[in-house]
Amino acid sequence: MKGHMLIKDILQRKHFASASVIAGEDGIDRMVKWVHVFEMIEVKGNLKGGELVLSTGFGWKDDDTLFLSLLEQLIEREVSGLCIEMGSFVTSLPDEAIALADQHSFPIILFNEEVSFVEITQDIHAELINDQYEKISSLEDYSQRLNKRLLSLDNYFDILKNLQQYVNCQLVYIAKDHTIVTIPALRDKEREKTLAELSTPEGSSARWVLKQPVQVFEREFATIYLMCNRRVLGEFESLLLDRTATALAQYLLRELYTEEKRKAKETEWLIEWLQGEHTIEDIQNRLAYYKLNHTLSGGIVLTIKVNMKDQQKSNPDVTYLNMLIQNIFDQNGYYVFPVERRHLLTFILLNRKGEEDWKKRMKKGLERLRNISLLNDSSISSFHIAAGKYIKELNQLHESFTTAQETLTLQSKLPKDQHRCFYDDMHMYRLISLVHKHSNLGALVEEYLEPIIEYDQKNNTNLLETLRVYMACNGSKKETADKVFVVRQTLYHRLEKLEKLLGEDFMECEKRQVIEFALLAHEYQQAVYS
């Protein structure tokens, strides 16, 4: 199989013994797809490009203007070349035509004696058809051997190497994860030069370049390039490239399936761990499988809930978010295990440093996490981050998971200024949530705060806020006045009103504790029912 028939190859055939190239000699490396006898002066849809045109000149005879028009059309149609039999209708060609052909490296070949166009077309067409048949046979053979090898291959490099050895030119493989493979391997400078060449606009490369994307489920995973400066890369190489990309897609699909199956089993085990179904021995064996040492001093579960502005859209790129979180908390002394659970992103964080500063390191990581651009994208309306109870025994991780979920639930019911990430920091709100579940929290609020709430509604005042600040300041009148932005005399007047509504003993220890609890319960109710 010769691969391609070029004009320079055709010039060596017996029917071209008397032929001479009088213009466009730089284009004799052009590939010929077919031979066409053409005697018209207007090119319509009968020439597609790549033909070698044979003509006696009958259409234009000695009309130089008509010939120049025809020549321009042939060049525009990307015809490979023009062969003219001199003598019968044409005796000479205009200098303008010679110059135009040279300018476009368009070969013009003259027969200086009578030739048989029928014999020329039969000869060349037979060669082209045989060559095409050989290509099809070779392509089928390549595909069969590739498919057989695909059953036993355990590395995509072997698929690429097989193609490179078959076509004998430079192969470049660029994956979406930025993996780059060159066969044969290139040194750094040559590699950079080649990659720069591939990034230039199509058609501007000094070499013939073919490219084929590798797609799995309509998602592009990589692109394969073939580059050659010794010969033209044509349809046959394109077909080989297509078959290789298909085989590579099948290999990647198999790998993806295997990886998804492995991840599903791993996720199932991690979920069972979060649900408290594994013994300490099971957990230690699993950690040994991950090659983690046994100096772990505890762990904590982190849960993230992302609310999208468009509910139809899925969460942001989970894979990228997992990588970011693993990187952030790894730098702060934690091993990270992501667990995908429907709309929640859950992470098991195992502490590989001391216990004394675990929370400080967690806070540092959470601060970085809040500021990453992915969670502050315009498509996200809000996000909540909740950290469960810190546990010292790894078989008690389910407690951290349960409390992380409870923290997330509490966050959704609290005003923004009361949001806290850690379950340990929820304090009174944990008790309020418990009371709310099992008793009538509204009755308690009504009993202690209703007189003030009704007074505020009737008089358009804000005594309830003054009471909350006064108790938060431990009864300090100066500090309270500063925080509610009133003068001391106004505050005295408000406190007198509070004494009338709540009783003069409202700041005594037991009653004060219940009122503070009622204030928090009121905030909780406001958030729940708003």
Protein backbone atom coordinates (compact mmCIF):
# COMPACT_ATOMS: atom_id res chain seq x y z
CA MET A 1 0.00 0.00 0.00
CA LYS A 2 1.53 3.30 -1.11
CA GLY A 3 -0.67 5.39 1.06
CA HIS A 4 -1.38 8.21 -1.43
CA MET A 5 -0.95 8.88 -5.15
CA LEU A 6 0.79 12.19 -5.73
CA ILE A 7 1.22 14.15 -8.95
CA LYS A 8 4.95 13.42 -8.88
CA ASP A 9 4.14 9.68 -8.78
CA ILE A 10 1.78 10.03 -11.76
CA LEU A 11 4.49 11.82 -13.79
CA GLN A 12 6.57 8.63 -13.60
CA ARG A 13 3.89 6.50 -15.30
CA LYS A 14 4.28 5.44 -18.94
CA HIS A 15 1.50 7.63 -20.34
CA PHE A 16 3.32 10.72 -19.05
CA ALA A 17 6.62 10.00 -20.80
CA SER A 18 6.18 13.03 -23.10
CA ALA A 19 4.67 15.27 -20.41
CA SER A 20 6.37 18.31 -18.90
CA VAL A 21 5.48 20.57 -15.97
CA ILE A 22 5.49 24.16 -17.22
CA ALA A 23 4.00 25.87 -14.15
CA GLY A 24 3.35 25.29 -10.43
CA GLU A 25 6.18 22.78 -10.04
CA ASP A 26 6.21 23.39 -6.28
CA GLY A 27 2.81 21.68 -6.12
CA ILE A 28 3.76 18.26 -7.53
CA ASP A 29 3.47 16.82 -4.00
CA ARG A 30 -0.29 17.34 -4.19
CA MET A 31 -2.43 14.28 -3.61
CA VAL A 32 -4.69 13.00 -6.41
CA LYS A 33 -8.04 11.47 -5.46
CA TRP A 34 -9.44 10.98 -8.97
CA VAL A 35 -8.89 11.79 -12.66
CA HIS A 36 -11.49 13.84 -14.53
CA VAL A 37 -11.72 14.70 -18.25
CA PHE A 38 -13.02 18.26 -18.37
CA GLU A 39 -13.69 20.35 -21.50
CA MET A 40 -16.02 23.04 -20.11
CA ILE A 41 -15.09 26.60 -19.15
CA GLU A 42 -17.30 26.90 -16.07
CA VAL A 43 -16.73 24.80 -12.93
CA LYS A 44 -19.96 24.09 -11.08
CA GLY A 45 -20.55 21.16 -8.75
CA ASN A 46 -18.82 18.59 -10.94
CA LEU A 47 -15.39 19.10 -9.36
CA LYS A 48 -15.07 18.55 -5.60
CA GLY A 49 -11.34 19.07 -5.06
CA GLY A 50 -8.34 16.73 -5.32
CA GLU A 51 -8.95 15.80 -9.00
CA LEU A 52 -6.34 15.74 -11.73
CA VAL A 53 -8.07 17.39 -14.70
CA LEU A 54 -7.34 16.24 -18.29
CA SER A 55 -8.26 18.62 -21.15
CA THR A 56 -7.61 19.20 -24.87
CA GLY A 57 -8.47 22.89 -24.50
CA PHE A 58 -11.59 22.58 -26.62
CA GLY A 59 -13.61 24.75 -24.24
CA TRP A 60 -11.38 27.84 -24.43
CA LYS A 61 -9.17 27.09 -27.48
CA ASP A 62 -6.88 30.12 -27.81
CA ASP A 63 -9.07 32.54 -25.81
CA ASP A 64 -6.67 33.60 -23.03
CA THR A 65 -9.41 35.34 -21.02
CA LEU A 66 -11.56 32.20 -20.87
CA PHE A 67 -8.56 30.08 -19.89
CA LEU A 68 -7.56 32.46 -17.07
CA SER A 69 -11.15 32.35 -15.75
CA LEU A 70 -11.14 28.55 -15.83
CA LEU A 71 -7.75 28.40 -14.11
CA GLU A 72 -8.94 30.65 -11.28
CA GLN A 73 -11.99 28.40 -10.78
CA LEU A 74 -9.83 25.25 -10.68
CA ILE A 75 -7.52 26.80 -8.09
CA GLU A 76 -10.48 27.96 -6.00
CA ARG A 77 -11.98 24.44 -6.13
CA GLU A 78 -8.64 23.02 -4.84
CA VAL A 79 -8.20 20.81 -7.89
CA SER A 80 -4.83 19.00 -7.72
CA GLY A 81 -3.56 19.91 -11.19
CA LEU A 82 -4.33 20.44 -14.89
CA CYS A 83 -3.05 18.33 -17.83
CA ILE A 84 -3.41 19.83 -21.35
CA GLU A 85 -2.89 18.06 -24.66
CA MET A 86 -1.23 20.61 -26.95
CA GLY A 87 -1.78 20.84 -30.67
CA SER A 88 -5.42 20.03 -31.40
CA PHE A 89 -7.04 23.16 -29.93
CA VAL A 90 -4.30 24.90 -27.94
CA THR A 91 -0.89 25.88 -29.20
CA SER A 92 0.34 28.08 -26.32
CA LEU A 93 -0.56 29.35 -22.84
CA PRO A 94 -0.55 33.02 -21.76
CA ASP A 95 2.21 34.26 -19.46
CA GLU A 96 -0.45 35.49 -17.00
CA ALA A 97 -1.70 31.91 -16.60
CA ILE A 98 1.83 30.59 -15.98
CA ALA A 99 2.42 33.29 -13.34
CA LEU A 100 -0.94 32.59 -11.64
CA ALA A 101 -0.22 28.83 -11.48
CA ASP A 102 3.26 29.45 -10.05
CA GLN A 103 1.82 31.83 -7.47
CA HIS A 104 -0.57 29.13 -6.19
CA SER A 105 1.80 26.17 -6.74
CA PHE A 106 -0.85 24.76 -9.08
CA PRO A 107 0.78 22.25 -11.47
CA ILE A 108 0.07 22.68 -15.21
CA ILE A 109 1.29 19.67 -17.22
CA LEU A 110 1.55 19.70 -20.99
CA PHE A 111 1.38 16.70 -23.32
CA ASN A 112 3.43 17.61 -26.39
CA GLU A 113 2.05 14.69 -28.40
CA GLU A 114 -1.32 13.03 -28.69
CA VAL A 115 -2.24 10.77 -25.73
CA SER A 116 -5.22 8.57 -24.86
CA PHE A 117 -7.20 10.11 -22.00
CA VAL A 118 -9.16 6.85 -21.70
CA GLU A 119 -6.01 4.84 -21.08
CA ILE A 120 -4.70 7.43 -18.62
CA THR A 121 -7.93 7.41 -16.58
CA GLN A 122 -8.12 3.60 -16.63
CA ASP A 123 -4.49 3.28 -15.52
CA ILE A 124 -4.71 5.79 -12.67
CA HIS A 125 -8.21 4.79 -11.55
CA ALA A 126 -7.16 1.13 -11.34
CA GLU A 127 -4.24 2.17 -9.15
CA LEU A 128 -6.45 4.37 -6.95
CA ILE A 129 -9.12 1.65 -6.58
CA ASN A 130 -6.53 -0.98 -5.70
CA ASP A 131 -4.97 1.39 -3.23
CA GLN A 132 -8.40 2.10 -1.71
CA TYR A 133 -9.10 -1.61 -1.40
CA GLU A 134 -5.76 -2.12 0.34
CA LYS A 135 -6.57 0.71 2.73
CA ILE A 136 -9.94 -0.79 3.61
CA SER A 137 -8.37 -4.21 4.16
CA SER A 138 -5.58 -2.67 6.21
CA LEU A 139 -8.06 -0.61 8.24
CA GLU A 140 -10.15 -3.69 8.96
CA ASP A 141 -7.05 -5.62 10.00
CA TYR A 142 -5.95 -2.74 12.26
CA SER A 143 -9.40 -2.56 13.89
CA GLN A 144 -9.56 -6.30 14.54
CA ARG A 145 -6.09 -6.43 16.08
CA LEU A 146 -6.84 -3.35 18.18
CA ASN A 147 -10.09 -4.83 19.48
CA LYS A 148 -8.33 -8.09 20.41
CA ARG A 149 -5.61 -6.22 22.26
CA LEU A 150 -8.21 -4.07 23.99
CA LEU A 151 -9.40 -7.13 25.93
CA SER A 152 -6.05 -7.52 27.66
CA LEU A 153 -4.70 -3.95 27.77
CA ASP A 154 -4.35 -2.36 31.18
CA ASN A 155 -2.88 0.96 30.04
CA TYR A 156 -4.12 3.44 27.44
CA PHE A 157 -0.48 4.12 26.46
CA ASP A 158 -0.41 0.78 24.61
CA ILE A 159 -3.34 1.87 22.43
CA LEU A 160 -1.58 5.11 21.50
CA LYS A 161 1.73 3.35 20.88
CA ASN A 162 -0.01 0.87 18.57
CA LEU A 163 -1.33 3.74 16.40
CA GLN A 164 2.00 5.59 16.34
CA GLN A 165 3.88 2.49 15.19
CA TYR A 166 1.31 1.91 12.46
CA VAL A 167 1.38 5.42 10.97
CA ASN A 168 5.05 6.17 11.85
CA CYS A 169 4.67 9.84 12.71
CA GLN A 170 4.57 12.05 15.80
CA LEU A 171 1.62 11.39 18.14
CA VAL A 172 0.47 13.79 20.85
CA TYR A 173 -2.23 12.91 23.41
CA ILE A 174 -3.67 15.74 25.53
CA ALA A 175 -6.22 14.81 28.23
CA LYS A 176 -8.67 17.17 29.93
CA ASP A 177 -6.84 16.60 33.22
CA HIS A 178 -3.75 18.12 31.51
CA THR A 179 -1.98 14.75 31.08
CA ILE A 180 0.22 14.98 27.98
CA VAL A 181 1.78 11.99 26.20
CA THR A 182 4.12 12.27 23.20
CA ILE A 183 5.16 9.23 21.15
CA PRO A 184 8.02 9.15 20.37
CA ALA A 185 8.88 10.98 23.60
CA LEU A 186 10.07 14.56 23.06
CA ARG A 187 12.61 16.53 25.03
CA ASP A 188 11.33 19.52 26.98
CA LYS A 189 12.14 22.20 24.39
CA GLU A 190 10.83 20.16 21.46
CA ARG A 191 7.74 19.27 23.48
CA GLU A 192 6.99 22.94 24.24
CA LYS A 193 7.49 23.83 20.57
CA THR A 194 5.11 21.05 19.47
CA LEU A 195 2.42 22.06 21.97
CA ALA A 196 2.73 25.68 20.87
CA GLU A 197 2.31 24.54 17.26
CA LEU A 198 -0.89 22.69 18.15
CA SER A 199 -2.32 25.77 19.86
CA THR A 200 -1.98 27.90 16.69
CA PRO A 201 -5.00 28.40 14.39
CA GLU A 202 -5.87 25.42 12.22
CA GLY A 203 -3.91 25.33 8.98
CA SER A 204 -1.03 27.52 10.23
CA SER A 205 1.18 24.61 11.33
CA ALA A 206 4.29 23.81 9.26
CA ARG A 207 3.33 20.10 9.46
CA TRP A 208 0.32 18.08 8.44
CA VAL A 209 -1.85 17.76 11.53
CA LEU A 210 -4.84 15.51 12.18
CA LYS A 211 -6.81 15.56 15.41
CA GLN A 212 -9.55 13.42 16.91
CA PRO A 213 -11.39 13.98 20.20
CA VAL A 214 -11.96 11.02 22.54
CA GLN A 215 -15.53 11.14 23.84
CA VAL A 216 -17.40 9.06 26.40
CA PHE A 217 -21.12 9.75 26.88
CA GLU A 218 -20.79 12.98 24.86
CA ARG A 219 -18.12 14.22 27.26
CA GLU A 220 -14.69 14.97 25.82
CA PHE A 221 -11.90 13.31 27.80
CA ALA A 222 -8.91 13.93 25.53
CA THR A 223 -7.69 14.77 22.03
CA ILE A 224 -5.26 12.71 19.89
CA TYR A 225 -3.05 14.52 17.35
CA LEU A 226 -1.00 13.07 14.49
CA MET A 227 1.75 15.32 13.08
CA CYS A 228 3.96 14.71 10.04
CA ASN A 229 6.16 16.78 7.74
CA ARG A 230 7.35 13.93 5.49
CA ARG A 231 4.03 13.10 3.84
CA VAL A 232 0.42 14.11 3.58
CA LEU A 233 -1.90 12.79 6.28
CA GLY A 234 -5.14 11.96 4.54
CA GLU A 235 -8.38 10.08 4.83
CA PHE A 236 -6.77 6.74 5.68
CA GLU A 237 -4.90 8.21 8.66
CA SER A 238 -8.10 9.98 9.72
CA LEU A 239 -9.93 6.64 9.75
CA LEU A 240 -7.13 5.01 11.75
CA LEU A 241 -7.31 7.91 14.19
CA ASP A 242 -11.09 7.53 14.47
CA ARG A 243 -10.82 3.77 15.18
CA THR A 244 -8.16 4.42 17.80
CA ALA A 245 -10.25 7.12 19.51
CA THR A 246 -13.20 4.69 19.61
CA ALA A 247 -11.03 1.96 21.15
CA LEU A 248 -9.63 4.45 23.65
CA ALA A 249 -13.18 5.56 24.56
CA GLN A 250 -14.11 1.91 25.20
CA TYR A 251 -11.05 1.50 27.42
CA LEU A 252 -11.85 4.71 29.34
CA LEU A 253 -15.48 3.62 29.72
CA ARG A 254 -14.30 0.34 31.22
CA GLU A 255 -11.96 2.20 33.57
CA LEU A 256 -14.70 4.65 34.55
CA TYR A 257 -17.09 1.80 35.28
CA THR A 258 -14.46 0.04 37.42
CA GLU A 259 -13.65 3.29 39.23
CA GLU A 260 -17.32 4.11 39.84
CA LYS A 261 -17.88 0.59 41.17
CA ARG A 262 -14.90 0.97 43.51
CA LYS A 263 -16.09 4.40 44.65
CA ALA A 264 -19.62 3.06 45.24
CA LYS A 265 -18.25 0.28 47.49
CA GLU A 266 -16.02 2.75 49.30
CA THR A 267 -18.90 5.20 49.77
CA GLU A 268 -21.09 2.38 51.08
CA TRP A 269 -18.43 1.48 53.67
CA LEU A 270 -18.01 5.12 54.72
CA ILE A 271 -21.79 5.56 55.08
CA GLU A 272 -21.89 2.46 57.29
CA TRP A 273 -19.10 4.04 59.35
CA LEU A 274 -21.16 7.23 59.71
CA GLN A 275 -24.08 5.11 60.87
CA GLY A 276 -22.00 3.37 63.54
CA GLU A 277 -22.01 -0.09 61.94
CA HIS A 278 -18.23 -0.78 62.10
CA THR A 279 -16.16 -1.98 65.04
CA ILE A 280 -12.88 -0.37 66.00
CA GLU A 281 -11.06 -3.37 64.48
CA ASP A 282 -12.90 -2.90 61.14
CA ILE A 283 -11.97 0.77 61.13
CA GLN A 284 -8.31 0.14 61.94
CA ASN A 285 -8.08 -2.48 59.17
CA ARG A 286 -9.62 -0.04 56.72
CA LEU A 287 -7.25 2.75 57.69
CA ALA A 288 -4.34 0.32 57.29
CA TYR A 289 -5.61 -0.32 53.74
CA TYR A 290 -5.32 3.44 53.12
CA LYS A 291 -1.82 3.27 54.64
CA LEU A 292 -2.72 5.70 57.42
CA ASN A 293 -0.77 5.43 60.64
CA HIS A 294 -2.37 4.66 64.00
CA THR A 295 -1.48 8.00 65.65
CA LEU A 296 -4.90 9.47 64.89
CA SER A 297 -6.22 11.39 67.89
CA GLY A 298 -9.88 11.68 66.92
CA GLY A 299 -12.16 12.96 64.21
CA ILE A 300 -15.09 15.14 63.22
CA VAL A 301 -17.75 15.14 60.51
CA LEU A 302 -18.22 18.20 58.31
CA THR A 303 -21.43 18.71 56.30
CA ILE A 304 -22.01 21.30 53.57
CA LYS A 305 -25.39 22.19 52.09
CA VAL A 306 -25.47 24.32 48.93
CA ASN A 307 -28.66 26.13 47.89
CA MET A 308 -28.77 26.92 44.17
CA LYS A 309 -30.67 29.96 42.84
CA ASP A 310 -32.06 27.75 40.08
CA GLN A 311 -33.43 24.64 41.80
CA GLN A 312 -33.25 22.72 38.50
CA LYS A 313 -29.46 22.99 38.47
CA SER A 314 -27.29 20.47 40.24
CA ASN A 315 -24.68 21.32 42.88
CA PRO A 316 -21.41 22.90 41.69
CA ASP A 317 -18.55 20.72 40.47
CA VAL A 318 -18.43 18.20 43.33
CA THR A 319 -15.14 16.64 42.19
CA TYR A 320 -13.39 20.02 42.20
CA LEU A 321 -14.93 20.93 45.57
CA ASN A 322 -13.75 17.62 47.06
CA MET A 323 -10.21 18.35 45.84
CA LEU A 324 -10.26 21.86 47.33
CA ILE A 325 -11.55 20.66 50.72
CA GLN A 326 -9.04 17.80 50.85
CA ASN A 327 -6.25 20.26 50.11
CA ILE A 328 -7.45 22.86 52.67
CA PHE A 329 -7.86 20.46 55.59
CA ASP A 330 -4.84 18.35 54.72
CA GLN A 331 -2.76 21.50 55.22
CA ASN A 332 -4.41 21.89 58.63
CA GLY A 333 -3.57 18.41 59.87
CA TYR A 334 -6.55 16.27 58.82
CA TYR A 335 -7.04 13.23 56.60
CA VAL A 336 -10.18 13.83 54.51
CA PHE A 337 -12.70 11.24 53.25
CA PRO A 338 -15.50 12.69 51.07
CA VAL A 339 -18.91 10.98 51.23
CA GLU A 340 -21.52 11.95 48.63
CA ARG A 341 -25.05 11.73 50.05
CA ARG A 342 -27.68 13.13 47.71
CA HIS A 343 -27.95 16.91 48.23
CA LEU A 344 -25.47 17.01 51.11
CA LEU A 345 -21.70 16.97 50.87
CA THR A 346 -20.27 15.14 53.88
CA PHE A 347 -16.61 14.85 54.86
CA ILE A 348 -14.97 12.67 57.49
CA LEU A 349 -11.97 14.53 58.93
CA LEU A 350 -9.47 12.46 60.93
CA ASN A 351 -7.11 14.43 63.15
CA ARG A 352 -3.47 13.42 62.65
CA LYS A 353 -2.11 16.07 65.03
CA GLY A 354 -2.70 16.86 68.70
CA GLU A 355 -6.09 17.37 70.35
CA GLU A 356 -5.23 20.63 72.06
CA ASP A 357 -5.60 22.78 68.90
CA TRP A 358 -7.99 20.71 66.77
CA LYS A 359 -10.66 23.43 66.79
CA LYS A 360 -8.22 26.22 65.98
CA ARG A 361 -7.02 24.31 62.91
CA MET A 362 -10.62 23.52 61.93
CA LYS A 363 -11.58 27.18 62.14
CA LYS A 364 -8.61 28.13 59.98
CA GLY A 365 -9.70 25.62 57.35
CA LEU A 366 -13.34 26.73 57.50
CA GLU A 367 -12.34 30.36 57.02
CA ARG A 368 -10.51 29.43 53.80
CA LEU A 369 -13.44 27.27 52.72
CA ARG A 370 -15.95 30.14 53.10
CA ASN A 371 -13.87 32.32 50.78
CA ILE A 372 -13.34 29.93 47.86
CA SER A 373 -14.81 31.24 44.61
CA LEU A 374 -16.72 28.02 43.87
CA LEU A 375 -19.02 28.54 46.89
CA ASN A 376 -19.41 32.25 46.14
CA ASP A 377 -20.51 31.73 42.54
CA SER A 378 -23.44 33.82 41.29
CA SER A 379 -25.48 30.63 40.71
CA ILE A 380 -25.45 29.85 44.47
CA SER A 381 -27.95 31.65 46.69
CA SER A 382 -26.46 30.43 50.00
CA PHE A 383 -24.47 27.66 51.62
CA HIS A 384 -24.25 26.26 55.15
CA ILE A 385 -21.28 24.53 56.76
CA ALA A 386 -21.82 22.43 59.90
CA ALA A 387 -19.26 20.58 62.02
CA GLY A 388 -20.43 17.86 64.41
CA LYS A 389 -19.16 16.88 67.82
CA TYR A 390 -15.43 16.10 68.04
CA ILE A 391 -14.97 12.41 68.95
CA LYS A 392 -11.88 10.70 70.33
CA GLU A 393 -12.85 7.09 69.49
CA LEU A 394 -13.26 6.44 65.76
CA ASN A 395 -16.06 3.91 66.30
CA GLN A 396 -18.13 6.79 67.71
CA LEU A 397 -18.03 8.78 64.46
CA HIS A 398 -21.81 8.36 64.08
CA GLU A 399 -22.22 10.77 67.01
CA SER A 400 -20.31 13.45 65.13
CA PHE A 401 -22.36 12.77 61.99
CA THR A 402 -25.68 13.00 63.85
CA THR A 403 -24.67 16.23 65.59
CA ALA A 404 -23.41 17.73 62.30
CA GLN A 405 -26.87 17.14 60.82
CA GLU A 406 -28.50 18.63 63.91
CA THR A 407 -26.23 21.70 63.63
CA LEU A 408 -27.25 22.10 59.98
CA THR A 409 -30.92 21.93 60.98
CA LEU A 410 -30.42 24.49 63.76
CA GLN A 411 -28.59 26.85 61.37
CA SER A 412 -31.60 26.90 59.06
CA LYS A 413 -33.79 28.02 61.99
CA LEU A 414 -31.58 30.73 63.45
CA PRO A 415 -31.09 34.36 62.40
CA LYS A 416 -27.93 34.95 60.38
CA ASP A 417 -26.15 36.79 63.19
CA GLN A 418 -26.54 33.68 65.39
CA HIS A 419 -25.09 31.21 62.85
CA ARG A 420 -22.39 28.96 64.25
CA CYS A 421 -20.52 26.18 62.45
CA PHE A 422 -19.67 23.97 65.40
CA TYR A 423 -22.15 21.86 67.31
CA ASP A 424 -20.07 22.62 70.45
CA ASP A 425 -20.92 26.33 70.02
CA MET A 426 -24.70 25.91 69.81
CA HIS A 427 -25.03 25.69 73.61
CA MET A 428 -28.52 26.87 74.59
CA TYR A 429 -29.95 26.37 71.10
CA ARG A 430 -29.43 22.61 71.43
CA LEU A 431 -31.60 22.67 74.54
CA ILE A 432 -34.22 24.89 72.84
CA SER A 433 -34.40 22.49 69.90
CA LEU A 434 -34.93 19.58 72.28
CA VAL A 435 -37.66 21.42 74.21
CA HIS A 436 -39.32 22.46 70.94
CA LYS A 437 -39.53 18.81 69.86
CA HIS A 438 -40.98 17.45 73.09
CA SER A 439 -43.00 20.25 74.74
CA ASN A 440 -44.89 23.49 74.12
CA LEU A 441 -42.12 26.05 73.69
CA GLY A 442 -44.66 28.71 72.67
CA ALA A 443 -46.38 28.58 76.04
CA LEU A 444 -43.11 29.39 77.83
CA VAL A 445 -42.41 32.37 75.54
CA GLU A 446 -45.96 33.60 75.92
CA GLU A 447 -45.88 33.37 79.73
CA TYR A 448 -42.70 35.41 80.17
CA LEU A 449 -42.52 37.70 77.14
CA GLU A 450 -46.10 38.29 75.93
CA PRO A 451 -46.59 41.55 77.95
CA ILE A 452 -43.51 43.07 76.29
CA ILE A 453 -44.35 41.77 72.79
CA GLU A 454 -47.89 43.21 73.05
CA TYR A 455 -46.58 46.54 74.40
CA ASP A 456 -44.09 46.83 71.50
CA GLN A 457 -46.80 46.06 68.93
CA LYS A 458 -49.24 48.56 70.45
CA ASN A 459 -46.77 51.42 70.96
CA ASN A 460 -44.35 50.74 68.09
CA THR A 461 -41.44 50.43 70.52
CA ASN A 462 -38.59 47.94 70.86
CA LEU A 463 -38.53 47.05 74.55
CA LEU A 464 -37.82 43.38 73.74
CA GLU A 465 -34.52 44.30 72.08
CA THR A 466 -33.60 46.52 75.04
CA LEU A 467 -34.29 43.59 77.40
CA ARG A 468 -32.13 41.23 75.31
CA VAL A 469 -29.18 43.67 75.24
CA TYR A 470 -29.54 44.53 78.95
CA MET A 471 -29.31 40.85 79.90
CA ALA A 472 -26.44 40.24 77.47
CA CYS A 473 -24.56 43.10 79.18
CA ASN A 474 -25.19 41.49 82.60
CA GLY A 475 -27.26 44.47 83.80
CA SER A 476 -24.65 47.14 82.94
CA LYS A 477 -26.67 50.30 82.25
CA LYS A 478 -23.81 52.23 80.64
CA GLU A 479 -22.91 49.39 78.24
CA THR A 480 -26.58 48.78 77.40
CA ALA A 481 -27.20 52.48 76.63
CA ASP A 482 -24.21 52.53 74.30
CA LYS A 483 -25.35 49.41 72.45
CA VAL A 484 -28.98 50.49 71.94
CA PHE A 485 -27.84 54.06 71.09
CA VAL A 486 -29.86 55.97 73.73
CA VAL A 487 -28.92 58.31 76.55
CA ARG A 488 -28.86 56.96 80.10
CA GLN A 489 -32.12 58.76 81.10
CA THR A 490 -34.04 57.12 78.25
CA LEU A 491 -32.70 53.71 79.26
CA TYR A 492 -33.86 54.29 82.88
CA HIS A 493 -37.33 55.00 81.59
CA ARG A 494 -37.32 51.76 79.54
CA LEU A 495 -36.08 49.70 82.50
CA GLU A 496 -38.89 51.08 84.65
CA LYS A 497 -41.37 49.97 82.01
CA LEU A 498 -39.76 46.48 81.93
CA GLU A 499 -40.11 46.21 85.72
CA LYS A 500 -43.84 47.03 85.46
CA LEU A 501 -44.34 44.44 82.71
CA LEU A 502 -42.10 41.64 84.06
CA GLY A 503 -41.97 42.39 87.76
CA GLU A 504 -39.30 44.09 89.82
CA ASP A 505 -37.55 40.74 90.33
CA PHE A 506 -36.90 40.07 86.62
CA MET A 507 -33.12 40.33 87.12
CA GLU A 508 -33.01 37.89 90.02
CA CYS A 509 -31.03 34.76 89.24
CA GLU A 510 -33.66 32.06 88.55
CA LYS A 511 -36.17 34.33 86.86
CA ARG A 512 -33.44 35.95 84.78
CA GLN A 513 -32.27 32.54 83.53
CA VAL A 514 -35.79 31.62 82.41
CA ILE A 515 -36.26 35.01 80.69
CA GLU A 516 -32.94 34.62 78.84
CA PHE A 517 -34.05 31.16 77.76
CA ALA A 518 -37.40 32.60 76.62
CA LEU A 519 -35.63 35.30 74.58
CA LEU A 520 -33.56 32.67 72.77
CA ALA A 521 -36.67 30.53 72.28
CA HIS A 522 -38.48 33.54 70.77
CA GLU A 523 -35.61 34.09 68.30
CA TYR A 524 -35.73 30.40 67.44
CA GLN A 525 -39.50 30.52 66.85
CA GLN A 526 -39.21 33.66 64.73
CA ALA A 527 -36.68 31.93 62.47
CA VAL A 528 -38.70 28.68 62.27
CA TYR A 529 -42.00 30.36 61.36
CA SER A 530 -40.71 33.26 59.25
